C-alpha atoms as a PDB file:
ATOM      1  CA  MET A   1      31.879   5.910  70.479  1.00  0.00           C
ATOM      2  CA  ILE A   2      35.359   4.360  70.301  1.00  0.00           C
ATOM      3  CA  LEU A   3      35.583   5.173  66.580  1.00  0.00           C
ATOM      4  CA  ALA A   4      34.780   8.841  67.290  1.00  0.00           C
ATOM      5  CA  ALA A   5      37.535   8.974  69.918  1.00  0.00           C
ATOM      6  CA  VAL A   6      40.060   7.436  67.511  1.00  0.00           C
ATOM      7  CA  VAL A   7      39.100   9.903  64.769  1.00  0.00           C
ATOM      8  CA  ALA A   8      39.420  12.803  67.231  1.00  0.00           C
ATOM      9  CA  VAL A   9      42.884  11.641  68.331  1.00  0.00           C
ATOM     10  CA  LEU A  10      43.991  11.231  64.718  1.00  0.00           C
ATOM     11  CA  GLY A  11      42.736  14.744  63.947  1.00  0.00           C
ATOM     12  CA  ILE A  12      44.718  16.195  66.849  1.00  0.00           C
ATOM     13  CA  GLY A  13      47.827  14.257  65.782  1.00  0.00           C
ATOM     14  CA  ALA A  14      47.415  15.388  62.183  1.00  0.00           C
ATOM     15  CA  ASN A  15      47.551  19.020  63.311  1.00  0.00           C
ATOM     16  CA  ARG A  16      50.962  18.350  64.848  1.00  0.00           C
ATOM     17  CA  TRP A  17      52.307  16.748  61.678  1.00  0.00           C
ATOM     18  CA  PHE A  18      50.600  18.763  58.946  1.00  0.00           C
ATOM     19  CA  LEU A  19      50.018  22.441  58.328  1.00  0.00           C
ATOM     20  CA  ARG A  20      47.654  24.048  55.850  1.00  0.00           C
ATOM     21  CA  LEU A  21      48.344  27.579  54.620  1.00  0.00           C
ATOM     22  CA  GLU A  22      46.900  29.942  52.067  1.00  0.00           C
ATOM     23  CA  VAL A  23      49.422  32.024  50.138  1.00  0.00           C
ATOM     24  CA  GLU A  24      49.295  35.763  50.744  1.00  0.00           C
ATOM     25  CA  GLY A  25      51.559  38.162  48.918  1.00  0.00           C
ATOM     26  CA  ASN A  26      53.674  37.919  45.792  1.00  0.00           C
ATOM     27  CA  SER A  27      57.045  36.652  47.032  1.00  0.00           C
ATOM     28  CA  MET A  28      56.728  33.175  45.472  1.00  0.00           C
ATOM     29  CA  ILE A  29      55.271  34.152  42.071  1.00  0.00           C
ATOM     30  CA  PRO A  30      55.259  32.452  39.565  1.00  0.00           C
ATOM     31  CA  THR A  31      55.454  29.166  41.508  1.00  0.00           C
ATOM     32  CA  LEU A  32      52.809  30.071  44.079  1.00  0.00           C
ATOM     33  CA  LEU A  33      50.100  32.669  43.636  1.00  0.00           C
ATOM     34  CA  PRO A  34      48.078  34.560  46.249  1.00  0.00           C
ATOM     35  CA  GLY A  35      45.157  32.346  47.223  1.00  0.00           C
ATOM     36  CA  ASP A  36      46.926  29.045  46.511  1.00  0.00           C
ATOM     37  CA  ARG A  37      46.369  26.552  49.311  1.00  0.00           C
ATOM     38  CA  LEU A  38      49.333  24.529  50.503  1.00  0.00           C
ATOM     39  CA  LEU A  39      49.870  21.424  52.610  1.00  0.00           C
ATOM     40  CA  PHE A  40      53.110  21.172  54.596  1.00  0.00           C
ATOM     41  CA  ARG A  41      54.516  18.215  56.554  1.00  0.00           C
ATOM     42  CA  ARG A  42      56.459  18.688  59.774  1.00  0.00           C
ATOM     43  CA  ILE A  43      60.178  18.062  59.324  1.00  0.00           C
ATOM     44  CA  THR A  44      61.593  15.757  61.971  1.00  0.00           C
ATOM     45  CA  ARG A  45      65.173  15.688  60.650  1.00  0.00           C
ATOM     46  CA  PRO A  46      66.949  18.501  58.828  1.00  0.00           C
ATOM     47  CA  SER A  47      68.562  15.840  56.634  1.00  0.00           C
ATOM     48  CA  GLY A  48      65.230  15.739  54.783  1.00  0.00           C
ATOM     49  CA  LEU A  49      65.891  19.220  53.411  1.00  0.00           C
ATOM     50  CA  SER A  50      67.666  20.006  50.171  1.00  0.00           C
ATOM     51  CA  VAL A  51      68.187  22.857  47.741  1.00  0.00           C
ATOM     52  CA  GLY A  52      64.985  23.594  45.828  1.00  0.00           C
ATOM     53  CA  VAL A  53      62.589  22.496  48.578  1.00  0.00           C
ATOM     54  CA  ILE A  54      59.861  24.974  49.573  1.00  0.00           C
ATOM     55  CA  VAL A  55      59.515  25.452  53.322  1.00  0.00           C
ATOM     56  CA  ALA A  56      57.392  27.394  55.782  1.00  0.00           C
ATOM     57  CA  LEU A  57      59.168  29.029  58.706  1.00  0.00           C
ATOM     58  CA  HIS A  58      58.535  31.632  61.341  1.00  0.00           C
ATOM     59  CA  ASP A  59      59.741  35.049  60.224  1.00  0.00           C
ATOM     60  CA  PRO A  60      63.199  35.184  61.866  1.00  0.00           C
ATOM     61  CA  ARG A  61      63.297  38.968  62.132  1.00  0.00           C
ATOM     62  CA  PRO A  62      62.808  40.511  65.579  1.00  0.00           C
ATOM     63  CA  GLY A  63      59.084  40.742  66.234  1.00  0.00           C
ATOM     64  CA  GLY A  64      58.326  38.423  63.310  1.00  0.00           C
ATOM     65  CA  ASP A  65      55.131  36.632  64.266  1.00  0.00           C
ATOM     66  CA  ARG A  66      54.011  35.214  60.943  1.00  0.00           C
ATOM     67  CA  LEU A  67      54.835  32.162  58.878  1.00  0.00           C
ATOM     68  CA  ILE A  68      56.631  32.818  55.620  1.00  0.00           C
ATOM     69  CA  VAL A  69      57.015  30.490  52.633  1.00  0.00           C
ATOM     70  CA  LYS A  70      60.369  30.379  50.827  1.00  0.00           C
ATOM     71  CA  ARG A  71      62.564  28.118  48.705  1.00  0.00           C
ATOM     72  CA  ILE A  72      65.880  26.758  49.994  1.00  0.00           C
ATOM     73  CA  THR A  73      68.585  28.025  47.620  1.00  0.00           C
ATOM     74  CA  ALA A  74      71.704  26.899  49.515  1.00  0.00           C
ATOM     75  CA  ILE A  75      72.668  24.780  52.530  1.00  0.00           C
ATOM     76  CA  THR A  76      75.999  25.349  54.256  1.00  0.00           C
ATOM     77  CA  ASN A  77      77.241  24.403  57.737  1.00  0.00           C
ATOM     78  CA  GLY A  78      73.810  23.622  59.180  1.00  0.00           C
ATOM     79  CA  GLU A  79      72.206  26.759  57.794  1.00  0.00           C
ATOM     80  CA  ALA A  80      69.966  27.386  54.819  1.00  0.00           C
ATOM     81  CA  THR A  81      69.616  30.376  52.557  1.00  0.00           C
ATOM     82  CA  VAL A  82      65.922  30.842  51.793  1.00  0.00           C
ATOM     83  CA  ARG A  83      64.569  33.076  49.064  1.00  0.00           C
ATOM     84  CA  GLY A  84      61.323  33.925  47.394  1.00  0.00           C
ATOM     85  CA  ASP A  85      60.948  33.085  43.712  1.00  0.00           C
ATOM     86  CA  ASN A  86      60.042  36.739  43.052  1.00  0.00           C
ATOM     87  CA  PRO A  87      63.065  38.680  44.404  1.00  0.00           C
ATOM     88  CA  ALA A  88      61.457  42.096  43.869  1.00  0.00           C
ATOM     89  CA  ALA A  89      58.606  41.207  46.261  1.00  0.00           C
ATOM     90  CA  SER A  90      60.378  38.945  48.754  1.00  0.00           C
ATOM     91  CA  THR A  91      61.736  39.434  52.247  1.00  0.00           C
ATOM     92  CA  ASP A  92      64.170  36.562  52.636  1.00  0.00           C
ATOM     93  CA  SER A  93      67.755  35.616  53.554  1.00  0.00           C
ATOM     94  CA  ARG A  94      69.006  38.669  51.695  1.00  0.00           C
ATOM     95  CA  ASP A  95      67.306  40.660  54.476  1.00  0.00           C
ATOM     96  CA  PHE A  96      67.666  38.444  57.557  1.00  0.00           C
ATOM     97  CA  GLY A  97      70.574  36.133  56.656  1.00  0.00           C
ATOM     98  CA  PRO A  98      70.772  32.339  56.648  1.00  0.00           C
ATOM     99  CA  VAL A  99      68.455  30.318  58.876  1.00  0.00           C
ATOM    100  CA  ALA A 100      69.455  27.345  61.037  1.00  0.00           C
ATOM    101  CA  LEU A 101      68.085  24.104  59.576  1.00  0.00           C
ATOM    102  CA  ASN A 102      66.293  23.341  62.844  1.00  0.00           C
ATOM    103  CA  GLN A 103      64.303  26.571  62.347  1.00  0.00           C
ATOM    104  CA  LEU A 104      62.705  25.162  59.189  1.00  0.00           C
ATOM    105  CA  PRO A 105      59.850  23.095  60.650  1.00  0.00           C
ATOM    106  CA  TRP A 106      57.622  22.641  57.582  1.00  0.00           C
ATOM    107  CA  LYS A 107      58.270  21.170  54.112  1.00  0.00           C
ATOM    108  CA  LEU A 108      55.797  21.633  51.250  1.00  0.00           C
ATOM    109  CA  VAL A 109      54.012  18.423  50.338  1.00  0.00           C
ATOM    110  CA  ARG A 110      51.497  19.732  47.862  1.00  0.00           C
ATOM    111  CA  ARG A 111      49.533  22.631  46.507  1.00  0.00           C
ATOM    112  CA  TYR A 112      46.009  21.260  46.774  1.00  0.00           C
ATOM    113  CA  ASN A 113      43.809  24.039  45.487  1.00  0.00           C
ATOM    114  CA  ARG A 114      44.998  26.562  42.970  1.00  0.00           C
ATOM    115  CA  VAL A 115      42.426  29.324  42.783  1.00  0.00           C
ATOM    116  CA  HIS A 116      43.878  31.085  39.708  1.00  0.00           C
ATOM    117  CA  GLY A 117      43.598  28.309  37.155  1.00  0.00           C
ATOM    118  CA  GLY A 118      46.238  25.802  36.163  1.00  0.00           C
ATOM    119  CA  ALA A 119      47.234  22.794  38.223  1.00  0.00           C
END
């Protein structure tokens, strides 16, 4: 009984600290393909971010209610430029401008299931 309660609490805590997403769309091709499954870790300090890191963030455009996955391409004055690896298919900082570092809550830890072959 106590073990079940501990496992339940750990599961609830894990949801606060980790996020699982499945890639939709083509904005991160060739790095990430539609159907790839990703594990993100919550970022507690923006100092853990650097150029090249892949992040998940809430779409910053007005009415944006989805999470988007992008790569940090520049960091200046507390803001990050985020872009998709496939510019022709990406809505990113070229469209909505730089994003405050504190608006980047998730950092990619691992792609754990690639559905299109490869590793």
